[in-house]
């Protein structure tokens, strides 16, 4: 390893030889230079690499992989024709067996960092593999930009506004990928305005294509800055002629909104929803309703979660963060009653619709926050026997954890897409609960992300 001193500015050009010790939570290689940790995307454990230091922070360094001197036996070829900087392929150079091991190790590392009560006695199962490691994503959400005379459609490079054009994306389903590119061509052909942040111009900003695995129906949403755009309805008519497309929506946002989606969504053409099917139940989805990106593996995730709940016919199940009602409707046949809680109004409407669609008589869905509605339900005399939570990556709100520690459902399963926030939440939940087992389900191959299912048991 080189020993020469370098300045902050010189560090941008300095090449160093690094031995990679492990992978970080985002799948980047981790090594050390002059006793300072360095993160190198694309590098794998046990590799010796040449890296360029691109940023020198007070506590760590950011490196860029230049070449590999000694390769890992777990290294596989990165997909050809795809820019390695894009998100969603952080582990594509790691063998699939290596990816599954990493995802289990990532969970163990999070537990060791936050050490919730009794974590050394948790049973951590091996990661359940996905049946398809490529072309599994049923939803594409691409940004579109015009630079001079070229129109790019794809994803931003991490931590930047540099758009990388994506003619191919190997984890995206072939239908959604082809439809995205076809819509790009139609926008060019019809001269539909493309939004421009620098010049504050209205137009199409994002193209979202979602496909239902069961019905093969595709739903397109054009996220726009501005409402009335030239030739937008003509574009919607042309999109409806594309194979398998059954609806076109417009969602309106503005440059001040930090989120991709705006608050106003309206249908331009076609059906209100597309229909998905999981474990024999049907689910109609509107554009803003959450549904797992990997519908084939979703059945595995939900069946494992329901098994861990150990439901009985006399139970009342609370389905928190219920989305379109998937878990509650799947569990309805096994319990006396299901009450779902969801904050997004459109998702609640979809859940209520899906209850009718599946002829479920013992499930209802309420709109609001879990931390406010759960105590109210308890005060109204509703028995809360079993609870399943499937929160966003930020985990459970502290106020909700306090509520759960007061309500104390006997059967409690926590589905998490972020091992770090799961481990932190288990520290607080450990006041009243023991964790018996955590299942890992690989929903997103080639990425560092994994779904963890923790079974919590009320301590006697």
Protein backbone atom coordinates (compact mmCIF):
# COMPACT_ATOMS: atom_id res chain seq x y z
CA UNK A 1 0.00 0.00 0.00
CA UNK A 2 1.33 3.43 -0.87
CA UNK A 3 2.56 5.57 2.02
CA UNK A 4 2.98 9.01 0.41
CA UNK A 5 1.08 11.93 1.83
CA UNK A 6 -1.55 13.54 -0.41
CA UNK A 7 -3.57 16.73 -0.17
CA UNK A 8 -7.33 17.00 -0.59
CA UNK A 9 -7.01 18.26 -4.15
CA UNK A 10 -4.28 15.81 -5.09
CA UNK A 11 -6.40 12.96 -3.73
CA UNK A 12 -8.65 13.25 -6.78
CA UNK A 13 -5.85 11.87 -8.97
CA UNK A 14 -4.09 9.59 -6.46
CA UNK A 15 -4.18 5.87 -7.27
CA UNK A 16 -3.85 3.50 -4.32
CA UNK A 17 -3.75 -0.27 -3.89
CA UNK A 18 -6.44 -1.52 -1.50
CA UNK A 19 -7.33 -4.95 -0.10
CA UNK A 20 -11.11 -5.21 0.25
CA UNK A 21 -12.21 -6.51 3.64
CA UNK A 22 -15.99 -6.65 3.33
CA UNK A 23 -19.05 -5.14 1.64
CA UNK A 24 -20.90 -2.11 3.02
CA UNK A 25 -24.67 -1.92 3.46
CA UNK A 26 -25.02 -0.46 -0.05
CA UNK A 27 -22.90 -3.19 -1.65
CA UNK A 28 -19.71 -1.16 -1.99
CA UNK A 29 -16.31 -2.67 -1.23
CA UNK A 30 -14.72 -1.53 2.04
CA UNK A 31 -10.98 -1.32 2.69
CA UNK A 32 -8.53 0.93 4.54
CA UNK A 33 -5.97 3.50 3.45
CA UNK A 34 -3.71 5.05 6.10
CA UNK A 35 -6.09 3.73 8.78
CA UNK A 36 -8.99 5.51 7.11
CA UNK A 37 -11.96 3.59 5.76
CA UNK A 38 -12.46 3.75 1.99
CA UNK A 39 -15.61 2.83 0.05
CA UNK A 40 -15.11 1.48 -3.48
CA UNK A 41 -18.26 0.58 -5.49
CA UNK A 42 -17.83 -2.53 -7.64
CA UNK A 43 -15.05 -4.08 -5.51
CA UNK A 44 -15.60 -7.41 -3.72
CA UNK A 45 -14.26 -8.90 -0.47
CA UNK A 46 -10.75 -10.42 -0.61
CA UNK A 47 -9.94 -8.56 -3.82
CA UNK A 48 -6.82 -6.45 -4.27
CA UNK A 49 -7.75 -3.44 -6.38
CA UNK A 50 -6.29 -0.24 -7.73
CA UNK A 51 -8.59 2.64 -6.86
CA UNK A 52 -8.67 6.38 -7.43
CA UNK A 53 -9.54 8.47 -4.38
CA UNK A 54 -12.21 10.88 -5.56
CA UNK A 55 -13.35 12.43 -2.25
CA UNK A 56 -11.51 12.89 1.02
CA UNK A 57 -13.92 13.31 3.93
CA UNK A 58 -12.80 13.84 7.55
CA UNK A 59 -13.86 10.33 8.58
CA UNK A 60 -13.72 8.32 5.33
CA UNK A 61 -12.65 8.24 1.70
CA UNK A 62 -14.63 7.65 -1.48
CA UNK A 63 -12.85 5.61 -4.11
CA UNK A 64 -13.40 4.70 -7.73
CA UNK A 65 -12.41 1.28 -9.01
CA UNK A 66 -9.63 1.56 -11.61
CA UNK A 67 -8.68 -2.10 -12.08
CA UNK A 68 -8.59 -5.41 -10.25
CA UNK A 69 -5.19 -6.91 -9.42
CA UNK A 70 -6.51 -10.03 -7.64
CA UNK A 71 -10.13 -10.98 -8.33
CA UNK A 72 -12.54 -12.73 -5.97
CA UNK A 73 -13.66 -16.26 -6.86
CA UNK A 74 -17.21 -14.91 -6.43
CA UNK A 75 -16.79 -12.31 -9.19
CA UNK A 76 -18.99 -12.74 -12.27
CA UNK A 77 -19.18 -10.59 -15.44
CA UNK A 78 -21.13 -7.34 -15.09
CA UNK A 79 -24.01 -7.08 -17.63
CA UNK A 80 -22.66 -5.79 -20.92
CA UNK A 81 -23.93 -2.54 -22.40
CA UNK A 82 -25.08 -1.11 -19.04
CA UNK A 83 -23.42 1.81 -17.25
CA UNK A 84 -22.23 0.41 -13.86
CA UNK A 85 -22.93 3.75 -12.15
CA UNK A 86 -26.70 3.32 -12.19
CA UNK A 87 -28.58 2.11 -9.16
CA UNK A 88 -30.20 -1.31 -9.05
CA UNK A 89 -27.11 -3.30 -10.10
CA UNK A 90 -24.81 -2.72 -7.12
CA UNK A 91 -24.19 -6.47 -6.67
CA UNK A 92 -24.34 -7.56 -10.31
CA UNK A 93 -20.61 -8.44 -10.29
CA UNK A 94 -21.13 -10.82 -7.32
CA UNK A 95 -22.26 -14.43 -7.82
CA UNK A 96 -25.85 -15.06 -6.78
CA UNK A 97 -24.77 -17.39 -3.99
CA UNK A 98 -22.52 -14.57 -2.79
CA UNK A 99 -25.43 -12.12 -2.92
CA UNK A 100 -27.62 -14.35 -0.76
CA UNK A 101 -24.84 -14.72 1.80
CA UNK A 102 -24.22 -10.96 1.81
CA UNK A 103 -27.87 -10.24 2.54
CA UNK A 104 -27.87 -12.53 5.56
CA UNK A 105 -24.53 -11.08 6.75
CA UNK A 106 -25.91 -7.56 6.28
CA UNK A 107 -28.75 -8.33 8.70
CA UNK A 108 -26.36 -9.90 11.21
CA UNK A 109 -24.09 -6.84 11.00
CA UNK A 110 -27.03 -4.51 11.70
CA UNK A 111 -27.99 -6.54 14.76
CA UNK A 112 -24.40 -6.54 15.99
CA UNK A 113 -24.25 -2.76 15.56
CA UNK A 114 -27.41 -1.97 17.55
CA UNK A 115 -27.49 -5.17 19.72
CA UNK A 116 -31.19 -5.41 20.57
CA UNK A 117 -32.00 -7.57 23.57
CA UNK A 118 -31.07 -11.22 23.05
CA UNK A 119 -29.90 -10.72 19.47
CA UNK A 120 -27.19 -13.38 19.78
CA UNK A 121 -29.95 -15.95 20.29
CA UNK A 122 -31.98 -14.94 17.24
CA UNK A 123 -32.42 -17.68 14.67
CA UNK A 124 -31.37 -16.03 11.39
CA UNK A 125 -32.39 -18.21 8.46
CA UNK A 126 -30.57 -18.35 5.14
CA UNK A 127 -31.88 -15.95 2.50
CA UNK A 128 -34.65 -17.43 0.35
CA UNK A 129 -33.54 -17.02 -3.28
CA UNK A 130 -35.66 -15.43 -5.98
CA UNK A 131 -36.76 -17.73 -8.81
CA UNK A 132 -35.67 -15.11 -11.35
CA UNK A 133 -32.49 -13.12 -10.87
CA UNK A 134 -33.02 -11.02 -14.02
CA UNK A 135 -35.99 -9.29 -15.70
CA UNK A 136 -38.08 -9.54 -12.53
CA UNK A 137 -39.03 -5.90 -11.92
CA UNK A 138 -42.65 -5.28 -12.89
CA UNK A 139 -42.45 -1.50 -12.57
CA UNK A 140 -40.18 0.99 -14.35
CA UNK A 141 -39.92 4.62 -13.29
CA UNK A 142 -37.63 6.47 -15.69
CA UNK A 143 -36.75 10.14 -16.00
CA UNK A 144 -36.76 11.81 -19.41
CA UNK A 145 -34.66 14.78 -20.53
CA UNK A 146 -33.79 16.58 -23.76
CA UNK A 147 -30.22 17.80 -24.18
CA UNK A 148 -29.74 19.67 -27.45
CA UNK A 149 -31.28 17.24 -29.98
CA UNK A 150 -30.91 14.04 -27.94
CA UNK A 151 -33.62 12.65 -25.66
CA UNK A 152 -32.40 10.46 -22.79
CA UNK A 153 -34.64 8.11 -20.82
CA UNK A 154 -33.34 6.27 -17.79
CA UNK A 155 -32.06 6.73 -14.24
CA UNK A 156 -29.89 9.31 -12.54
CA UNK A 157 -26.37 8.43 -11.53
CA UNK A 158 -26.25 8.08 -7.71
CA UNK A 159 -26.23 11.37 -5.79
CA UNK A 160 -26.47 13.46 -8.94
CA UNK A 161 -28.78 14.92 -11.57
CA UNK A 162 -26.81 13.31 -14.38
CA UNK A 163 -29.28 11.19 -16.35
CA UNK A 164 -27.95 7.91 -17.74
CA UNK A 165 -29.79 6.70 -20.84
CA UNK A 166 -30.96 3.08 -20.44
CA UNK A 167 -31.76 1.28 -23.68
CA UNK A 168 -31.29 -1.94 -21.67
CA UNK A 169 -31.90 -2.65 -17.97
CA UNK A 170 -31.37 -6.35 -17.19
CA UNK A 171 -33.44 -6.45 -14.00
CA UNK A 172 -36.44 -4.78 -15.63
CA UNK A 173 -39.13 -6.94 -17.23
CA UNK A 174 -38.79 -6.99 -21.00
CA UNK A 175 -42.34 -5.69 -21.50
CA UNK A 176 -41.97 -2.63 -19.26
CA UNK A 177 -38.55 -1.84 -20.71
CA UNK A 178 -39.83 -2.03 -24.29
CA UNK A 179 -42.86 0.11 -23.42
CA UNK A 180 -40.67 2.80 -21.81
CA UNK A 181 -38.54 3.06 -24.96
CA UNK A 182 -41.60 3.07 -27.22
CA UNK A 183 -43.12 5.97 -25.25
CA UNK A 184 -39.84 7.89 -25.56
CA UNK A 185 -40.03 7.48 -29.34
CA UNK A 186 -43.67 8.63 -29.39
CA UNK A 187 -42.83 11.74 -27.37
CA UNK A 188 -40.15 12.62 -29.93
CA UNK A 189 -42.43 11.85 -32.87
CA UNK A 190 -45.39 13.88 -31.54
CA UNK A 191 -43.21 16.74 -30.26
CA UNK A 192 -44.67 16.48 -26.76
CA UNK A 193 -42.88 18.96 -24.45
CA UNK A 194 -40.21 17.49 -22.14
CA UNK A 195 -39.76 19.22 -18.77
CA UNK A 196 -36.58 21.26 -18.33
CA UNK A 197 -35.52 22.16 -14.80
CA UNK A 198 -32.76 24.62 -15.76
CA UNK A 199 -35.08 26.66 -17.97
CA UNK A 200 -38.15 26.04 -15.76
CA UNK A 201 -40.13 24.67 -18.73
CA UNK A 202 -43.22 22.46 -18.36
CA UNK A 203 -43.45 19.00 -19.94
CA UNK A 204 -43.21 15.29 -19.30
CA UNK A 205 -40.71 14.64 -16.49
CA UNK A 206 -41.05 10.94 -15.59
CA UNK A 207 -42.56 7.89 -17.30
CA UNK A 208 -43.91 5.13 -15.04
CA UNK A 209 -44.88 1.75 -16.47
CA UNK A 210 -46.31 -0.97 -14.23
CA UNK A 211 -47.31 -4.46 -15.33
CA UNK A 212 -49.43 -7.03 -13.51
CA UNK A 213 -47.79 -10.46 -13.68
CA UNK A 214 -51.09 -12.36 -13.61
CA UNK A 215 -53.06 -10.39 -16.21
CA UNK A 216 -50.05 -8.99 -18.13
CA UNK A 217 -51.89 -5.64 -18.23
CA UNK A 218 -49.75 -2.51 -18.29
CA UNK A 219 -50.55 0.84 -16.73
CA UNK A 220 -48.70 3.98 -17.83
CA UNK A 221 -48.42 7.20 -15.83
CA UNK A 222 -46.91 10.35 -17.32
CA UNK A 223 -45.62 12.55 -14.50
CA UNK A 224 -45.65 16.11 -15.79
CA UNK A 225 -44.68 19.59 -14.72
CA UNK A 226 -47.71 21.56 -15.83
CA UNK A 227 -51.24 20.41 -16.68
CA UNK A 228 -52.03 21.22 -20.30
CA UNK A 229 -49.26 20.04 -22.61
CA UNK A 230 -49.30 20.10 -26.40
CA UNK A 231 -50.31 16.76 -27.93
CA UNK A 232 -50.57 15.01 -24.53
CA UNK A 233 -53.94 13.40 -25.31
CA UNK A 234 -52.69 12.37 -28.73
CA UNK A 235 -49.71 10.78 -26.98
CA UNK A 236 -52.10 8.92 -24.64
CA UNK A 237 -54.02 7.60 -27.66
CA UNK A 238 -50.80 6.32 -29.24
CA UNK A 239 -49.64 4.72 -25.97
CA UNK A 240 -52.96 2.86 -25.72
CA UNK A 241 -52.09 1.18 -29.03
CA UNK A 242 -48.91 -0.34 -27.56
CA UNK A 243 -49.09 -4.06 -26.68
CA UNK A 244 -50.70 -4.87 -23.30
CA UNK A 245 -51.25 -1.22 -22.29
CA UNK A 246 -54.75 -0.79 -20.83
CA UNK A 247 -54.59 2.67 -19.22
CA UNK A 248 -52.75 5.98 -19.34
CA UNK A 249 -52.70 8.43 -16.42
CA UNK A 250 -51.26 11.89 -15.84
CA UNK A 251 -49.75 12.86 -12.50
CA UNK A 252 -48.93 16.53 -11.95
CA UNK A 253 -45.96 17.80 -9.96
CA UNK A 254 -43.81 20.94 -9.82
CA UNK A 255 -40.12 21.78 -9.43
CA UNK A 256 -40.53 22.58 -5.72
CA UNK A 257 -41.71 19.04 -4.94
CA UNK A 258 -38.75 16.87 -3.80
CA UNK A 259 -40.74 13.68 -4.45
CA UNK A 260 -41.15 12.06 -7.87
CA UNK A 261 -44.94 11.98 -7.66
CA UNK A 262 -47.22 14.97 -7.26
CA UNK A 263 -50.58 15.01 -5.48
CA UNK A 264 -52.94 15.20 -8.46
CA UNK A 265 -53.51 12.11 -10.63
CA UNK A 266 -56.07 11.92 -13.44
CA UNK A 267 -56.91 9.25 -15.98
CA UNK A 268 -56.37 10.17 -19.62
CA UNK A 269 -57.42 6.92 -21.30
CA UNK A 270 -58.42 3.33 -20.52
CA UNK A 271 -59.18 1.31 -17.40
CA UNK A 272 -59.12 2.58 -13.83
CA UNK A 273 -56.86 -0.22 -12.57
CA UNK A 274 -54.82 -3.25 -13.56
CA UNK A 275 -55.36 -6.64 -11.94
CA UNK A 276 -52.68 -8.65 -10.14
CA UNK A 277 -53.13 -12.05 -8.50
CA UNK A 278 -51.26 -13.42 -5.48
CA UNK A 279 -51.95 -16.78 -3.83
CA UNK A 280 -55.34 -17.09 -5.50
CA UNK A 281 -56.55 -13.59 -4.56
CA UNK A 282 -57.01 -10.72 -7.02
CA UNK A 283 -55.83 -7.16 -6.45
CA UNK A 284 -56.74 -4.16 -8.58
CA UNK A 285 -54.02 -1.49 -8.58
CA UNK A 286 -54.30 2.22 -9.29
CA UNK A 287 -51.17 4.20 -10.21
CA UNK A 288 -50.11 5.39 -6.74
CA UNK A 289 -50.93 2.19 -4.84
CA UNK A 290 -47.89 0.39 -3.46
CA UNK A 291 -47.21 -3.14 -4.64
CA UNK A 292 -44.00 -5.15 -4.47
CA UNK A 293 -41.71 -4.72 -7.50
CA UNK A 294 -41.17 -8.48 -7.82
CA UNK A 295 -44.68 -10.03 -8.01
CA UNK A 296 -43.45 -13.61 -8.47
CA UNK A 297 -41.41 -13.52 -5.24
CA UNK A 298 -44.14 -11.59 -3.40
CA UNK A 299 -46.11 -14.81 -2.89
CA UNK A 300 -43.10 -16.28 -1.07
CA UNK A 301 -42.68 -13.19 1.10
CA UNK A 302 -46.31 -13.04 2.16
CA UNK A 303 -46.78 -16.78 2.69
CA UNK A 304 -43.71 -16.87 4.96
CA UNK A 305 -44.95 -13.84 6.90
CA UNK A 306 -48.41 -15.35 7.43
CA UNK A 307 -46.89 -18.65 8.57
CA UNK A 308 -44.91 -16.82 11.25
CA UNK A 309 -48.05 -15.06 12.51
CA UNK A 310 -49.51 -18.43 13.65
CA UNK A 311 -53.08 -17.25 13.05
CA UNK A 312 -56.18 -18.94 14.50
CA UNK A 313 -59.90 -18.58 13.58
CA UNK A 314 -60.74 -16.59 16.73
CA UNK A 315 -58.14 -13.83 16.14
CA UNK A 316 -58.50 -10.20 15.09
CA UNK A 317 -55.60 -9.22 12.82
CA UNK A 318 -54.40 -5.63 12.40
CA UNK A 319 -52.74 -5.10 8.99
CA UNK A 320 -50.68 -1.93 9.51
CA UNK A 321 -49.31 -0.03 6.49
CA UNK A 322 -51.80 -2.16 4.60
CA UNK A 323 -51.38 -0.67 1.11
CA UNK A 324 -53.95 -2.17 -1.26
CA UNK A 325 -54.94 -4.75 1.36
CA UNK A 326 -52.77 -7.60 0.14
CA UNK A 327 -51.70 -9.21 3.42
CA UNK A 328 -55.02 -8.71 5.20
CA UNK A 329 -57.05 -10.19 2.36
CA UNK A 330 -54.67 -13.15 2.10
CA UNK A 331 -55.08 -13.77 5.84
CA UNK A 332 -58.84 -13.20 6.03
CA UNK A 333 -59.72 -16.89 5.62
CA UNK A 334 -57.59 -17.76 8.68
CA UNK A 335 -58.97 -15.24 11.23
CA UNK A 336 -62.20 -13.88 12.66
CA UNK A 337 -61.60 -10.29 11.55
CA UNK A 338 -59.07 -8.12 9.68
CA UNK A 339 -58.66 -4.37 10.16
CA UNK A 340 -56.26 -2.63 7.80
CA UNK A 341 -54.75 0.82 8.38
CA UNK A 342 -53.19 2.89 5.60
CA UNK A 343 -52.37 6.60 5.27
CA UNK A 344 -52.64 6.98 1.46
CA UNK A 345 -56.30 7.57 0.50
CA UNK A 346 -55.99 6.01 -2.98
CA UNK A 347 -54.55 2.82 -1.49
CA UNK A 348 -57.41 2.59 1.02
CA UNK A 349 -59.93 2.89 -1.80
CA UNK A 350 -58.09 0.13 -3.67
CA UNK A 351 -58.09 -2.04 -0.53
CA UNK A 352 -61.83 -1.55 -0.02
CA UNK A 353 -62.38 -2.39 -3.68
CA UNK A 354 -60.18 -5.49 -3.39
CA UNK A 355 -62.21 -6.71 -0.40
CA UNK A 356 -65.29 -6.69 -2.62
CA UNK A 357 -63.38 -8.15 -5.57
CA UNK A 358 -62.42 -11.19 -3.49
CA UNK A 359 -65.81 -11.49 -1.72
CA UNK A 360 -64.17 -11.05 1.68
CA UNK A 361 -66.74 -10.44 4.43
CA UNK A 362 -64.53 -9.99 7.50
CA UNK A 363 -62.07 -7.23 6.49
CA UNK A 364 -62.30 -3.46 6.62
CA UNK A 365 -59.72 -0.79 5.75
CA UNK A 366 -59.31 2.56 7.48
CA UNK A 367 -57.47 5.66 6.30
CA UNK A 368 -55.11 7.33 8.77
CA UNK A 369 -51.89 6.88 10.73
CA UNK A 370 -51.35 3.63 12.63
CA UNK A 371 -50.13 5.41 15.77
CA UNK A 372 -53.38 7.39 16.00
CA UNK A 373 -55.90 4.75 14.95
CA UNK A 374 -54.52 1.75 16.84
CA UNK A 375 -55.05 3.16 20.38
CA UNK A 376 -58.51 4.35 19.32
CA UNK A 377 -59.44 0.86 18.14
CA UNK A 378 -58.16 -0.58 21.42
CA UNK A 379 -60.19 1.94 23.44
CA UNK A 380 -63.28 1.06 21.40
CA UNK A 381 -62.92 -2.53 22.61
CA UNK A 382 -61.44 -4.14 19.49
CA UNK A 383 -59.32 -7.15 20.50
CA UNK A 384 -55.89 -6.79 18.92
CA UNK A 385 -54.70 -10.39 18.89
CA UNK A 386 -52.30 -10.29 15.97
CA UNK A 387 -50.44 -7.52 14.18
CA UNK A 388 -48.41 -7.38 11.00
CA UNK A 389 -46.46 -4.26 10.02
CA UNK A 390 -44.79 -3.57 6.68
CA UNK A 391 -43.43 -0.01 7.01
CA UNK A 392 -41.32 2.04 4.56
CA UNK A 393 -37.50 2.00 4.72
CA UNK A 394 -37.49 4.54 7.54
CA UNK A 395 -39.03 1.93 9.84
CA UNK A 396 -41.60 2.44 12.58
CA UNK A 397 -42.26 5.87 14.03
CA UNK A 398 -41.17 6.12 17.67
CA UNK A 399 -44.71 7.15 18.59
CA UNK A 400 -46.02 3.94 16.99
CA UNK A 401 -43.51 1.80 18.89
CA UNK A 402 -44.73 3.40 22.14
CA UNK A 403 -48.28 2.57 21.08
CA UNK A 404 -47.37 -1.04 20.34
CA UNK A 405 -45.73 -1.39 23.75
CA UNK A 406 -49.00 -0.24 25.32
CA UNK A 407 -51.32 -2.30 23.12
CA UNK A 408 -49.08 -5.43 23.20
CA UNK A 409 -50.55 -7.73 20.52
CA UNK A 410 -49.65 -11.32 21.37
CA UNK A 411 -48.75 -12.32 17.80
CA UNK A 412 -46.60 -9.78 15.99
CA UNK A 413 -44.69 -9.98 12.69
CA UNK A 414 -42.54 -7.16 11.32
CA UNK A 415 -41.68 -7.10 7.59
CA UNK A 416 -38.74 -4.78 6.92
CA UNK A 417 -36.93 -3.72 3.75
CA UNK A 418 -34.11 -2.15 5.77
CA UNK A 419 -32.08 -4.29 8.23
CA UNK A 420 -30.63 -1.18 9.87
CA UNK A 421 -33.97 0.38 10.84
CA UNK A 422 -35.31 -3.07 11.80
CA UNK A 423 -32.40 -3.55 14.24
CA UNK A 424 -32.94 -0.09 15.72
CA UNK A 425 -36.68 -0.70 16.15
CA UNK A 426 -36.02 -4.08 17.80
CA UNK A 427 -33.97 -2.30 20.48
CA UNK A 428 -37.11 -0.43 21.58
CA UNK A 429 -39.54 -3.28 20.97
CA UNK A 430 -37.28 -5.49 23.08
CA UNK A 431 -38.79 -3.87 26.17
CA UNK A 432 -41.75 -6.22 25.80
CA UNK A 433 -40.94 -8.65 22.97
CA UNK A 434 -38.49 -11.43 22.23
CA UNK A 435 -37.47 -12.21 18.66
CA UNK A 436 -37.59 -15.91 17.86
CA UNK A 437 -36.66 -15.96 14.21
CA UNK A 438 -35.88 -13.67 11.27
CA UNK A 439 -36.52 -14.88 7.72
CA UNK A 440 -34.75 -13.24 4.77
CA UNK A 441 -36.43 -13.15 1.36
CA UNK A 442 -34.54 -11.87 -1.68
CA UNK A 443 -37.02 -9.67 -3.51
CA UNK A 444 -34.48 -7.65 -5.53
CA UNK A 445 -31.55 -9.69 -6.91
CA UNK A 446 -28.46 -7.74 -8.05
CA UNK A 447 -29.16 -5.10 -5.36
CA UNK A 448 -28.16 -4.96 -1.67
CA UNK A 449 -31.81 -4.83 -0.62
CA UNK A 450 -33.65 -7.68 1.06
CA UNK A 451 -36.93 -8.17 2.91
CA UNK A 452 -36.60 -9.39 6.50
CA UNK A 453 -39.51 -11.00 8.38
CA UNK A 454 -39.12 -10.90 12.15
CA UNK A 455 -41.42 -12.88 14.45
CA UNK A 456 -41.84 -11.14 17.81
CA UNK A 457 -43.27 -12.92 20.84
CA UNK A 458 -44.68 -11.10 23.85
CA UNK A 459 -42.53 -11.79 26.88
CA UNK A 460 -44.48 -13.45 29.70
